[in-house]
Amino acid sequence: MNAQLTAYISLVCVSGVLNVYLSLYVFFKRHHYTNIARFFILHAVCITIYCIGAAFGLMATTIQEIKMWTVVQYIGMPFSAVYGLLFVMQYLGVQLSRKKVAALLFIPSITLIMVATNDLHHLHYRVYEVDPVLGAPFVRQEIGVWYIIHGIFTFASLFAALLLPVFQWKETARVYRPQLLSLMCGQIVPIVTAFIYLIGLTPPGFDPVPMVLWMSSLFYLWSISSSRLFTILPVAKDSIFHSINDGVMVLDESRRLIEFNQGCEEMFPRLSKSMFGMDFEKVWFTLSENSFPFHFEAAEQNRELTLMAGNTKHTYQIRTSPLQHANQIHGQLLIFTDITKLKEMQVQLEHQAYYDELTQVQNRRAFFKQAEHDFAKALKESEDYTVVLLDIDYFKKVNDTYGHHIGDRVLQHVAKVCQAQLNEGDVFARYGGEEFVLALKGCSAAEGRAAANRMRVQIEQHPLEVDGHILAVTASLGVAEAAKGPGETLTQLLNKADHALYQAKNSGRNQVWVYDDQENAALNFVKEEEARSGEPTST
């Protein structure tokens, strides 16, 4: 064995040993890595088999031994290109079904069979014999039809594995680019060597590719140890970044747009990558036709913002936080959460909590919430404050005669008529049953009586039409003005209005009474007598 052949075998063995080391290293640490590790292991194992077959083939002395070790090479070599492609695709997030993986492995499987049975059909090698000049282990070969098919497929696999990282280069952050570089170099080495071999620029009689695969192995080894090839992937970052439902924008220290995710693109259809490098204020004006309403600060902020998109209103929660490194701010992170449906649900729940479902006016809870605030303010500032209680006359008779569904129509009708008489700042609510309450800020008892009379007249003059029949409706109202100075409560004021309402109903209904302190004692006596006799005070 001459020195040149020994050098060839040594280089092939180095490639094999490095791939054995890589496959074992990744295998024993596979639990710490992502799923791409399994494809890398298969890729490295196939290259190892390829190199072993090539090394022993270079030591063969007969054509039978050369053919046997050639078959061993083809157990690994055609499959290594496919597993290398699958490794790169998995790394870049390109998912394939099992059927598609099996389809990629179909031609390599046929190639192995063709090589193993070549003496029967000569479809892979038309001629495969010991080189008459150089002798064993060098061979003279003429390629067959299947060799061309196999070569095209192998080159296509290697070329695809090279182009995929190339196309991903611009979309990948700088911190991950060394990983892409190692993947590209790992594919370029066998592609260039195989091409040089096919055009006849390498020493004749043997395949030079196994001798240079150690270079690809070194690229992978460097990437695993320095850039954490299997543990931190750009595709993982991209998958997480773009799968977030929230919209995310990243600005640099000069407030220029440098990144956004798919969620943000869906929220703002006008957003495009052509805006990268543009000042954020210009970007935001393009998106919303308004200036950004918040100032960026050194601390995190949570704000709400409402935007109109055509006739549709969207509400966003915007979180802004500085991107800091070494106590210096290098940019801003903006996260947009679409809370439109949440806001709509919140408004709906608040409406249900504070509005009467039947009449759609405020309910008792909403009345007390607003009126207690206004009442306290009026007492503090010595302003007039008056309440009016309204009761629909003979409402029980309406329900008993026409049914509760007509009673509901009456309630809705009275509420609508009363609402038409309200002024800004008036608080009107359904107090309970057939009673309504009105709070008037800055109004005296006389003004309250006038407002109550307007309501009474409007109710009387606008009867309810039901199924072609006219149903007359009237109401009695009691008015009470808050006493000046501290001491009185809203509940006490409402009790005074209730006493006045009793007087209105007891005096024939369809009228307004104003509470009078001098008449109050006699009224209380009458109520107590009626309570003892069991007679109702109103119907």
Protein backbone atom coordinates (compact mmCIF):
# COMPACT_ATOMS: atom_id res chain seq x y z
CA MET A 1 0.00 0.00 0.00
CA ASN A 2 1.54 3.29 -1.13
CA ALA A 3 1.70 6.45 0.95
CA GLN A 4 -0.95 8.24 -1.12
CA LEU A 5 -3.50 5.47 -0.56
CA THR A 6 -2.66 5.41 3.14
CA ALA A 7 -3.37 9.15 3.31
CA TYR A 8 -6.73 8.63 1.56
CA ILE A 9 -7.71 5.90 4.01
CA SER A 10 -6.62 8.03 6.96
CA LEU A 11 -8.78 10.97 5.85
CA VAL A 12 -11.78 8.70 5.33
CA CYS A 13 -11.24 7.18 8.79
CA VAL A 14 -11.05 10.65 10.35
CA SER A 15 -14.43 11.47 8.78
CA GLY A 16 -15.87 8.21 10.10
CA VAL A 17 -14.49 8.65 13.61
CA LEU A 18 -15.74 12.24 13.87
CA ASN A 19 -19.24 11.18 12.81
CA VAL A 20 -19.20 8.30 15.30
CA TYR A 21 -18.29 10.79 18.00
CA LEU A 22 -21.00 13.24 16.89
CA SER A 23 -23.72 10.59 16.73
CA LEU A 24 -22.82 9.17 20.17
CA TYR A 25 -22.45 12.62 21.73
CA VAL A 26 -25.86 13.77 20.51
CA PHE A 27 -27.45 10.38 21.32
CA PHE A 28 -26.40 10.41 24.96
CA LYS A 29 -27.51 14.04 25.35
CA ARG A 30 -30.69 13.68 23.25
CA HIS A 31 -32.95 14.28 26.28
CA HIS A 32 -31.52 17.79 26.57
CA TYR A 33 -32.07 18.60 22.92
CA THR A 34 -35.02 19.25 20.64
CA ASN A 35 -36.54 16.73 18.21
CA ILE A 36 -34.06 17.60 15.46
CA ALA A 37 -31.42 15.56 17.32
CA ARG A 38 -32.83 12.24 16.06
CA PHE A 39 -32.49 13.28 12.40
CA PHE A 40 -28.95 14.47 13.04
CA ILE A 41 -28.07 11.14 14.68
CA LEU A 42 -29.42 9.21 11.68
CA HIS A 43 -27.54 11.56 9.35
CA ALA A 44 -24.26 11.04 11.26
CA VAL A 45 -24.75 7.24 11.46
CA CYS A 46 -25.34 7.03 7.70
CA ILE A 47 -22.17 9.04 7.03
CA THR A 48 -20.27 6.77 9.44
CA ILE A 49 -21.41 3.67 7.50
CA TYR A 50 -20.52 5.40 4.26
CA CYS A 51 -17.01 6.20 5.53
CA ILE A 52 -16.46 2.68 6.94
CA GLY A 53 -17.42 1.13 3.61
CA ALA A 54 -15.15 3.56 1.76
CA ALA A 55 -12.18 2.89 4.09
CA PHE A 56 -12.44 -0.88 3.80
CA GLY A 57 -13.08 -0.57 0.07
CA LEU A 58 -9.74 1.24 -0.29
CA MET A 59 -8.06 -1.75 1.39
CA ALA A 60 -9.76 -4.34 -0.84
CA THR A 61 -7.64 -6.44 -3.22
CA THR A 62 -10.28 -8.17 -5.38
CA ILE A 63 -13.30 -6.96 -7.34
CA GLN A 64 -15.62 -9.05 -5.11
CA GLU A 65 -14.36 -7.28 -1.99
CA ILE A 66 -14.64 -3.89 -3.69
CA LYS A 67 -18.26 -4.62 -4.70
CA MET A 68 -19.12 -5.81 -1.19
CA TRP A 69 -17.77 -2.64 0.44
CA THR A 70 -19.47 -0.57 -2.25
CA VAL A 71 -22.79 -2.05 -1.13
CA VAL A 72 -21.88 -1.12 2.47
CA GLN A 73 -21.22 2.44 1.34
CA TYR A 74 -24.68 2.59 -0.24
CA ILE A 75 -26.28 1.49 3.02
CA GLY A 76 -25.28 4.91 4.33
CA MET A 77 -24.47 7.32 1.51
CA PRO A 78 -27.87 7.79 -0.29
CA PHE A 79 -29.73 7.94 3.03
CA SER A 80 -27.33 10.47 4.57
CA ALA A 81 -28.39 13.16 2.07
CA VAL A 82 -32.09 12.63 2.87
CA TYR A 83 -31.56 12.61 6.64
CA GLY A 84 -29.41 15.73 6.28
CA LEU A 85 -32.29 17.44 4.44
CA LEU A 86 -34.80 16.28 7.07
CA PHE A 87 -32.49 17.59 9.80
CA VAL A 88 -32.33 21.04 8.18
CA MET A 89 -36.08 21.11 7.52
CA GLN A 90 -36.87 20.17 11.10
CA TYR A 91 -34.43 22.82 12.30
CA LEU A 92 -36.20 25.50 10.22
CA GLY A 93 -39.65 24.39 11.33
CA VAL A 94 -40.73 22.66 8.11
CA GLN A 95 -42.87 19.76 9.30
CA LEU A 96 -43.38 16.67 7.12
CA SER A 97 -45.83 13.84 7.60
CA ARG A 98 -44.62 10.25 7.92
CA LYS A 99 -45.83 9.52 4.41
CA LYS A 100 -43.72 12.34 2.97
CA VAL A 101 -40.66 11.19 4.93
CA ALA A 102 -41.19 7.67 3.59
CA ALA A 103 -41.47 9.11 0.06
CA LEU A 104 -38.11 10.85 0.45
CA LEU A 105 -36.53 7.58 1.56
CA PHE A 106 -37.98 5.62 -1.38
CA ILE A 107 -35.31 6.42 -4.00
CA PRO A 108 -32.36 5.77 -1.61
CA SER A 109 -33.92 2.40 -0.77
CA ILE A 110 -34.21 1.52 -4.46
CA THR A 111 -30.61 2.69 -4.98
CA LEU A 112 -29.36 0.30 -2.31
CA ILE A 113 -31.21 -2.57 -3.96
CA MET A 114 -29.90 -1.58 -7.39
CA VAL A 115 -26.29 -1.52 -6.18
CA ALA A 116 -26.62 -4.83 -4.32
CA THR A 117 -28.06 -6.53 -7.44
CA ASN A 118 -26.14 -4.60 -10.08
CA ASP A 119 -24.54 -7.73 -11.61
CA LEU A 120 -28.04 -8.89 -12.58
CA HIS A 121 -29.16 -5.79 -14.50
CA HIS A 122 -26.28 -3.24 -14.69
CA LEU A 123 -28.76 -0.37 -14.25
CA HIS A 124 -26.64 1.45 -11.69
CA TYR A 125 -23.17 0.66 -13.08
CA ARG A 126 -22.95 -0.47 -16.68
CA VAL A 127 -19.28 -1.30 -16.07
CA TYR A 128 -17.70 -1.80 -12.62
CA GLU A 129 -14.26 -3.43 -12.66
CA VAL A 130 -10.73 -3.07 -11.31
CA ASP A 131 -8.87 -0.27 -13.04
CA PRO A 132 -6.55 -2.01 -15.57
CA VAL A 133 -3.86 0.64 -15.07
CA LEU A 134 -3.98 1.46 -11.36
CA GLY A 135 -5.13 -1.93 -10.16
CA ALA A 136 -7.06 -2.70 -6.95
CA PRO A 137 -8.56 -1.00 -5.05
CA PHE A 138 -9.09 1.53 -7.82
CA VAL A 139 -12.00 0.84 -10.16
CA ARG A 140 -13.10 1.78 -13.64
CA GLN A 141 -16.80 2.44 -13.87
CA GLU A 142 -19.40 3.49 -16.40
CA ILE A 143 -22.61 4.82 -14.94
CA GLY A 144 -26.05 3.43 -15.74
CA VAL A 145 -29.58 4.87 -15.88
CA TRP A 146 -30.34 4.47 -12.19
CA TYR A 147 -27.01 6.07 -11.25
CA ILE A 148 -28.22 9.24 -13.01
CA ILE A 149 -31.57 9.11 -11.18
CA HIS A 150 -29.79 8.52 -7.88
CA GLY A 151 -27.30 11.33 -8.56
CA ILE A 152 -30.00 13.86 -9.46
CA PHE A 153 -32.00 13.01 -6.32
CA THR A 154 -28.94 13.15 -4.05
CA PHE A 155 -27.79 16.47 -5.46
CA ALA A 156 -31.33 17.82 -5.17
CA SER A 157 -31.47 16.79 -1.48
CA LEU A 158 -28.09 18.36 -0.75
CA PHE A 159 -28.95 21.51 -2.69
CA ALA A 160 -32.33 21.89 -0.96
CA ALA A 161 -30.63 21.49 2.43
CA LEU A 162 -28.26 24.29 1.39
CA LEU A 163 -30.89 26.69 0.02
CA LEU A 164 -33.28 26.46 2.96
CA PRO A 165 -30.83 28.11 5.41
CA VAL A 166 -29.84 30.62 2.71
CA PHE A 167 -33.46 31.76 2.28
CA GLN A 168 -33.85 31.98 6.06
CA TRP A 169 -30.74 34.14 6.53
CA LYS A 170 -32.37 37.59 6.39
CA GLU A 171 -35.20 36.53 8.67
CA THR A 172 -32.83 35.21 11.33
CA ALA A 173 -31.38 37.28 14.15
CA ARG A 174 -27.62 37.68 14.17
CA VAL A 175 -27.21 35.59 17.29
CA TYR A 176 -28.55 32.54 15.39
CA ARG A 177 -26.73 33.07 12.10
CA PRO A 178 -23.64 31.03 13.11
CA GLN A 179 -25.96 28.04 13.31
CA LEU A 180 -27.22 28.65 9.78
CA LEU A 181 -23.66 29.15 8.60
CA SER A 182 -22.58 25.78 9.97
CA LEU A 183 -25.57 24.10 8.28
CA MET A 184 -24.71 25.71 4.95
CA CYS A 185 -21.03 24.80 5.19
CA GLY A 186 -21.95 21.25 6.16
CA GLN A 187 -23.87 20.94 2.89
CA ILE A 188 -21.46 22.88 0.65
CA VAL A 189 -18.49 20.59 1.37
CA PRO A 190 -19.99 17.35 -0.07
CA ILE A 191 -21.74 19.24 -2.91
CA VAL A 192 -18.56 20.89 -4.16
CA THR A 193 -16.45 17.74 -3.73
CA ALA A 194 -18.99 15.53 -5.54
CA PHE A 195 -19.23 18.05 -8.36
CA ILE A 196 -15.45 18.15 -8.77
CA TYR A 197 -15.42 14.33 -8.75
CA LEU A 198 -18.11 14.09 -11.46
CA ILE A 199 -16.30 16.45 -13.83
CA GLY A 200 -13.08 14.45 -13.44
CA LEU A 201 -10.88 16.90 -11.52
CA THR A 202 -10.03 14.43 -8.71
CA PRO A 203 -7.59 11.51 -8.81
CA PRO A 204 -9.20 8.70 -10.84
CA GLY A 205 -10.45 5.41 -9.47
CA PHE A 206 -12.08 6.29 -6.15
CA ASP A 207 -14.73 8.52 -4.51
CA PRO A 208 -13.16 11.57 -2.75
CA VAL A 209 -16.34 12.63 -0.87
CA PRO A 210 -15.75 10.47 2.27
CA MET A 211 -12.30 12.03 2.64
CA VAL A 212 -13.70 15.56 3.10
CA LEU A 213 -16.73 14.82 5.27
CA TRP A 214 -14.60 15.41 8.36
CA MET A 215 -14.78 19.10 7.44
CA SER A 216 -18.59 19.05 7.64
CA SER A 217 -18.32 17.23 10.96
CA LEU A 218 -16.06 19.95 12.35
CA PHE A 219 -18.59 22.63 11.37
CA TYR A 220 -21.32 20.72 13.21
CA LEU A 221 -19.10 20.09 16.21
CA TRP A 222 -18.23 23.78 16.42
CA SER A 223 -21.88 24.80 16.14
CA ILE A 224 -23.01 22.37 18.84
CA SER A 225 -20.39 23.55 21.29
CA SER A 226 -20.40 27.31 20.57
CA SER A 227 -23.86 28.27 19.32
CA ARG A 228 -25.90 25.54 21.07
CA LEU A 229 -27.22 24.15 17.80
CA PHE A 230 -29.72 21.73 19.30
CA THR A 231 -30.93 23.71 22.32
CA ILE A 232 -31.63 27.22 20.97
CA LEU A 233 -33.12 27.41 17.51
CA PRO A 234 -34.16 30.48 15.51
CA VAL A 235 -37.22 28.58 14.39
CA ALA A 236 -38.23 28.18 18.03
CA LYS A 237 -37.94 31.91 18.49
CA ASP A 238 -39.88 32.55 15.29
CA SER A 239 -42.54 29.96 16.13
CA ILE A 240 -43.12 31.43 19.57
CA PHE A 241 -42.89 35.02 18.34
CA HIS A 242 -45.31 34.53 15.48
CA SER A 243 -47.70 32.20 17.30
CA ILE A 244 -48.41 34.76 20.02
CA ASN A 245 -52.00 35.95 19.68
CA ASP A 246 -50.98 39.37 20.92
CA GLY A 247 -49.47 41.85 18.51
CA VAL A 248 -45.80 42.59 19.22
CA MET A 249 -43.69 45.45 17.90
CA VAL A 250 -40.00 45.98 18.62
CA LEU A 251 -38.40 49.42 18.39
CA ASP A 252 -34.72 50.29 18.54
CA GLU A 253 -33.19 52.99 20.75
CA SER A 254 -34.12 55.62 18.14
CA ARG A 255 -37.79 54.57 18.23
CA ARG A 256 -37.60 52.98 14.80
CA LEU A 257 -39.57 49.85 13.94
CA ILE A 258 -37.28 46.82 13.62
CA GLU A 259 -39.62 43.84 14.10
CA PHE A 260 -43.27 42.79 14.43
CA ASN A 261 -45.05 39.46 14.55
CA GLN A 262 -47.91 37.97 12.55
CA GLY A 263 -50.39 38.78 15.31
CA CYS A 264 -49.54 42.46 14.94
CA GLU A 265 -49.86 42.22 11.16
CA GLU A 266 -53.36 40.77 11.55
CA MET A 267 -54.38 43.56 13.94
CA PHE A 268 -53.04 46.28 11.63
CA PRO A 269 -53.43 45.21 7.96
CA ARG A 270 -51.54 48.30 6.76
CA LEU A 271 -48.42 47.16 8.59
CA SER A 272 -45.72 45.83 6.25
CA LYS A 273 -42.04 44.96 6.31
CA SER A 274 -41.37 47.99 4.12
CA MET A 275 -41.84 50.01 7.33
CA PHE A 276 -38.75 48.50 8.96
CA GLY A 277 -36.42 51.33 9.91
CA MET A 278 -39.23 53.90 9.84
CA ASP A 279 -39.81 56.19 12.83
CA PHE A 280 -42.56 54.72 15.00
CA GLU A 281 -44.60 57.93 15.00
CA LYS A 282 -44.81 57.76 11.20
CA VAL A 283 -45.66 54.06 11.36
CA TRP A 284 -48.42 54.68 13.89
CA PHE A 285 -49.86 57.59 11.91
CA THR A 286 -50.02 55.32 8.86
CA LEU A 287 -51.84 52.65 10.88
CA SER A 288 -54.28 54.86 12.79
CA GLU A 289 -54.13 58.34 11.18
CA ASN A 290 -53.42 59.70 14.67
CA SER A 291 -50.36 60.34 16.80
CA PHE A 292 -49.44 57.70 19.33
CA PRO A 293 -51.18 58.92 22.51
CA PHE A 294 -48.66 57.66 25.05
CA HIS A 295 -45.09 58.61 25.92
CA PHE A 296 -42.44 55.94 26.26
CA GLU A 297 -40.97 55.74 29.73
CA ALA A 298 -38.18 53.87 31.47
CA ALA A 299 -40.70 51.74 33.33
CA GLU A 300 -43.36 49.35 32.09
CA GLN A 301 -46.76 50.85 31.25
CA ASN A 302 -50.25 49.45 30.75
CA ARG A 303 -52.72 51.57 28.82
CA GLU A 304 -55.96 51.14 26.90
CA LEU A 305 -56.53 52.53 23.43
CA THR A 306 -59.60 52.56 21.20
CA LEU A 307 -59.19 52.68 17.42
CA MET A 308 -61.70 52.79 14.60
CA ALA A 309 -61.15 50.45 11.68
CA GLY A 310 -63.80 51.55 9.18
CA ASN A 311 -67.08 51.24 11.08
CA THR A 312 -65.62 48.80 13.61
CA LYS A 313 -64.26 49.93 16.96
CA HIS A 314 -61.38 47.99 18.49
CA THR A 315 -60.07 48.36 22.02
CA TYR A 316 -56.48 47.37 22.76
CA GLN A 317 -54.52 47.01 25.95
CA ILE A 318 -51.04 48.30 25.20
CA ARG A 319 -48.08 47.27 27.30
CA THR A 320 -44.82 49.09 26.71
CA SER A 321 -41.56 48.09 28.34
CA PRO A 322 -37.97 49.16 27.71
CA LEU A 323 -35.43 46.70 26.30
CA GLN A 324 -32.54 47.00 28.71
CA HIS A 325 -29.04 45.60 28.69
CA ALA A 326 -26.26 46.58 31.09
CA ASN A 327 -28.57 49.21 32.60
CA GLN A 328 -28.97 50.92 29.25
CA ILE A 329 -32.18 51.14 27.23
CA HIS A 330 -31.71 49.75 23.72
CA GLY A 331 -35.29 49.93 22.52
CA GLN A 332 -38.93 49.42 23.37
CA LEU A 333 -41.23 46.42 23.29
CA LEU A 334 -44.91 47.08 22.51
CA ILE A 335 -47.49 44.37 23.11
CA PHE A 336 -51.03 44.90 21.79
CA THR A 337 -53.82 42.75 23.24
CA ASP A 338 -57.19 43.01 21.52
CA ILE A 339 -59.69 43.30 24.38
CA THR A 340 -62.62 44.40 22.20
CA LYS A 341 -64.74 41.35 23.01
CA LEU A 342 -63.77 41.56 26.65
CA LYS A 343 -64.83 45.21 26.75
CA GLU A 344 -68.09 44.41 24.99
CA MET A 345 -68.74 41.65 27.50
CA GLN A 346 -67.84 43.99 30.35
CA VAL A 347 -70.23 46.64 29.02
CA GLN A 348 -72.92 43.99 28.65
CA LEU A 349 -72.41 42.73 32.19
CA GLU A 350 -72.42 46.29 33.55
CA HIS A 351 -75.61 46.97 31.63
CA GLN A 352 -77.21 43.85 33.08
CA ALA A 353 -76.02 44.83 36.55
CA TYR A 354 -77.24 48.44 36.41
CA TYR A 355 -80.18 48.43 34.01
CA ASP A 356 -83.64 46.98 34.32
CA GLU A 357 -84.03 44.19 31.78
CA LEU A 358 -87.68 44.95 31.01
CA THR A 359 -87.75 48.75 30.72
CA GLN A 360 -84.05 49.34 29.88
CA VAL A 361 -83.86 52.21 32.37
CA GLN A 362 -81.48 52.14 35.33
CA ASN A 363 -82.32 49.78 38.16
CA ARG A 364 -82.43 50.38 41.90
CA ARG A 365 -78.73 49.53 42.34
CA ALA A 366 -77.62 51.98 39.68
CA PHE A 367 -79.88 54.67 41.12
CA PHE A 368 -78.39 54.43 44.59
CA LYS A 369 -74.85 54.33 43.23
CA GLN A 370 -75.31 57.61 41.34
CA ALA A 371 -77.80 59.33 43.66
CA GLU A 372 -75.77 58.77 46.84
CA HIS A 373 -72.82 60.51 45.22
CA ASP A 374 -74.92 63.42 43.98
CA PHE A 375 -76.83 63.68 47.28
CA ALA A 376 -73.63 63.84 49.35
CA LYS A 377 -72.22 66.51 47.02
CA ALA A 378 -75.43 68.55 47.26
CA LEU A 379 -75.39 68.44 51.05
CA LYS A 380 -71.74 69.44 51.14
CA GLU A 381 -72.27 72.39 48.80
CA SER A 382 -75.73 73.33 50.21
CA GLU A 383 -77.40 72.83 46.85
CA ASP A 384 -81.02 71.89 46.18
CA TYR A 385 -81.71 68.19 45.72
CA THR A 386 -85.14 66.69 45.08
CA VAL A 387 -86.43 63.17 44.48
CA VAL A 388 -89.70 62.08 42.87
CA LEU A 389 -91.36 58.70 43.36
CA LEU A 390 -93.82 57.61 40.64
CA ASP A 391 -96.35 54.82 41.01
CA ILE A 392 -98.58 53.56 38.17
CA ASP A 393 -102.21 53.74 39.24
CA TYR A 394 -104.23 50.50 39.48
CA PHE A 395 -101.33 48.47 38.09
CA LYS A 396 -102.45 45.32 39.94
CA LYS A 397 -105.83 45.64 38.25
CA VAL A 398 -104.11 45.82 34.84
CA ASN A 399 -102.23 42.58 35.55
CA ASP A 400 -105.34 40.84 36.85
CA THR A 401 -107.50 41.99 33.93
CA TYR A 402 -105.21 41.81 30.94
CA GLY A 403 -102.37 39.58 32.11
CA HIS A 404 -98.78 40.17 33.09
CA HIS A 405 -97.59 40.52 29.50
CA ILE A 406 -99.80 43.62 29.14
CA GLY A 407 -98.53 44.80 32.52
CA ASP A 408 -95.00 44.58 31.14
CA ARG A 409 -96.08 46.66 28.13
CA VAL A 410 -97.47 49.29 30.48
CA LEU A 411 -94.18 49.47 32.41
CA GLN A 412 -92.22 49.86 29.20
CA HIS A 413 -94.62 52.53 27.95
CA VAL A 414 -94.46 54.61 31.14
CA ALA A 415 -90.65 54.36 31.25
CA LYS A 416 -90.41 55.56 27.64
CA VAL A 417 -92.77 58.51 28.23
CA CYS A 418 -90.87 59.57 31.35
CA GLN A 419 -87.48 59.33 29.66
CA ALA A 420 -88.68 61.79 27.03
CA GLN A 421 -89.15 64.39 29.79
CA LEU A 422 -85.69 64.07 31.34
CA ASN A 423 -83.01 66.73 31.32
CA GLU A 424 -79.26 66.19 31.33
CA GLY A 425 -78.08 65.15 34.78
CA ASP A 426 -81.44 63.70 35.88
CA VAL A 427 -81.26 60.19 37.32
CA PHE A 428 -84.28 58.05 36.42
CA ALA A 429 -84.65 54.40 37.43
CA ARG A 430 -87.12 51.63 38.06
CA TYR A 431 -87.42 51.57 41.84
CA GLY A 432 -89.29 48.29 42.08
CA GLY A 433 -92.55 46.75 40.84
CA GLU A 434 -94.61 49.54 39.26
CA GLU A 435 -92.60 52.32 40.95
CA PHE A 436 -90.05 54.59 39.33
CA VAL A 437 -87.75 57.15 40.94
CA LEU A 438 -86.32 60.41 39.66
CA ALA A 439 -83.48 62.38 41.27
CA LEU A 440 -83.08 66.04 40.34
CA LYS A 441 -79.82 67.81 41.14
CA GLY A 442 -80.02 71.54 41.79
CA CYS A 443 -83.84 71.50 41.80
CA SER A 444 -86.14 72.72 44.56
CA ALA A 445 -89.39 71.09 45.59
CA ALA A 446 -91.32 73.49 43.36
CA GLU A 447 -89.18 72.61 40.35
CA GLY A 448 -89.52 68.95 41.23
CA ARG A 449 -93.29 69.32 41.37
CA ALA A 450 -93.31 70.95 37.95
CA ALA A 451 -91.21 68.13 36.48
CA ALA A 452 -93.45 65.54 38.12
CA ASN A 453 -96.59 67.21 36.74
CA ARG A 454 -95.12 67.21 33.23
CA MET A 455 -94.57 63.48 33.51
CA ARG A 456 -98.05 62.89 34.92
CA VAL A 457 -99.70 64.86 32.14
CA GLN A 458 -97.67 63.13 29.41
CA ILE A 459 -98.56 59.71 30.80
CA GLU A 460 -102.25 60.65 30.94
CA GLN A 461 -102.26 62.16 27.46
CA HIS A 462 -100.46 59.21 25.85
CA PRO A 463 -102.50 56.08 26.52
CA LEU A 464 -101.14 52.70 25.50
CA GLU A 465 -102.51 51.07 22.37
CA VAL A 466 -102.72 47.29 22.70
CA ASP A 467 -104.11 45.09 19.91
CA GLY A 468 -106.24 47.92 18.59
CA HIS A 469 -107.58 48.86 22.03
CA ILE A 470 -106.73 52.02 23.95
CA LEU A 471 -105.57 51.43 27.54
CA ALA A 472 -105.64 54.55 29.67
CA VAL A 473 -102.69 54.85 32.07
CA THR A 474 -102.22 57.34 34.91
CA ALA A 475 -99.66 57.76 37.67
CA SER A 476 -99.37 59.27 41.13
CA LEU A 477 -96.20 61.04 42.17
CA GLY A 478 -94.63 62.13 45.44
CA VAL A 479 -92.00 64.88 45.65
CA ALA A 480 -89.56 65.60 48.48
CA GLU A 481 -86.74 68.10 48.77
CA ALA A 482 -83.63 67.42 50.85
CA ALA A 483 -83.29 69.49 54.02
CA LYS A 484 -80.40 71.92 54.00
CA GLY A 485 -77.45 71.01 56.18
CA PRO A 486 -76.07 67.68 57.40
CA GLY A 487 -78.05 64.98 59.14
CA GLU A 488 -80.44 63.70 56.48
CA THR A 489 -79.72 60.60 54.42
CA LEU A 490 -80.85 59.62 50.96
CA THR A 491 -83.00 56.85 52.46
CA GLN A 492 -84.76 59.37 54.69
CA LEU A 493 -85.37 61.63 51.71
CA LEU A 494 -86.88 58.74 49.76
CA ASN A 495 -89.13 57.95 52.73
CA LYS A 496 -90.35 61.53 52.64
CA ALA A 497 -91.13 61.17 48.94
CA ASP A 498 -92.92 57.90 49.71
CA HIS A 499 -95.12 59.70 52.26
CA ALA A 500 -95.97 62.31 49.63
CA LEU A 501 -96.78 59.53 47.14
CA TYR A 502 -99.12 57.98 49.68
CA GLN A 503 -100.94 61.31 49.99
CA ALA A 504 -101.27 61.51 46.20
CA LYS A 505 -102.75 58.04 45.95
CA ASN A 506 -104.91 58.47 49.03
CA SER A 507 -106.31 61.69 47.56
CA GLY A 508 -107.64 60.10 44.39
CA ARG A 509 -104.54 59.25 42.32
CA ASN A 510 -103.30 60.83 39.05
CA GLN A 511 -101.85 63.77 40.95
CA VAL A 512 -98.61 65.11 42.43
CA TRP A 513 -98.03 65.79 46.11
CA VAL A 514 -95.08 67.49 47.73
CA TYR A 515 -93.90 66.35 51.12
CA ASP A 516 -94.85 68.72 53.97
CA ASP A 517 -93.32 68.26 57.43
CA GLN A 518 -96.45 69.63 59.16
CA GLU A 519 -98.73 67.09 57.49
CA ASN A 520 -96.30 64.23 58.09
CA ALA A 521 -97.45 63.37 61.65
CA ALA A 522 -101.10 62.99 60.66
CA LEU A 523 -100.10 60.92 57.62
CA ASN A 524 -98.05 58.53 59.72
CA PHE A 525 -101.07 58.06 62.02
CA VAL A 526 -103.31 57.16 59.06
CA LYS A 527 -100.76 54.65 57.76
CA GLU A 528 -100.47 52.98 61.16
CA GLU A 529 -104.30 52.68 61.42
CA GLU A 530 -104.49 51.11 57.95
CA ALA A 531 -101.70 48.72 58.79
CA ARG A 532 -103.56 47.57 61.92
CA SER A 533 -106.80 47.11 59.99
CA GLY A 534 -105.09 45.10 57.26
CA GLU A 535 -106.23 47.37 54.42
CA PRO A 536 -103.59 48.07 51.75
CA THR A 537 -102.40 51.63 51.33
CA SER A 538 -102.20 51.35 47.52
CA THR A 539 -103.15 49.03 44.67
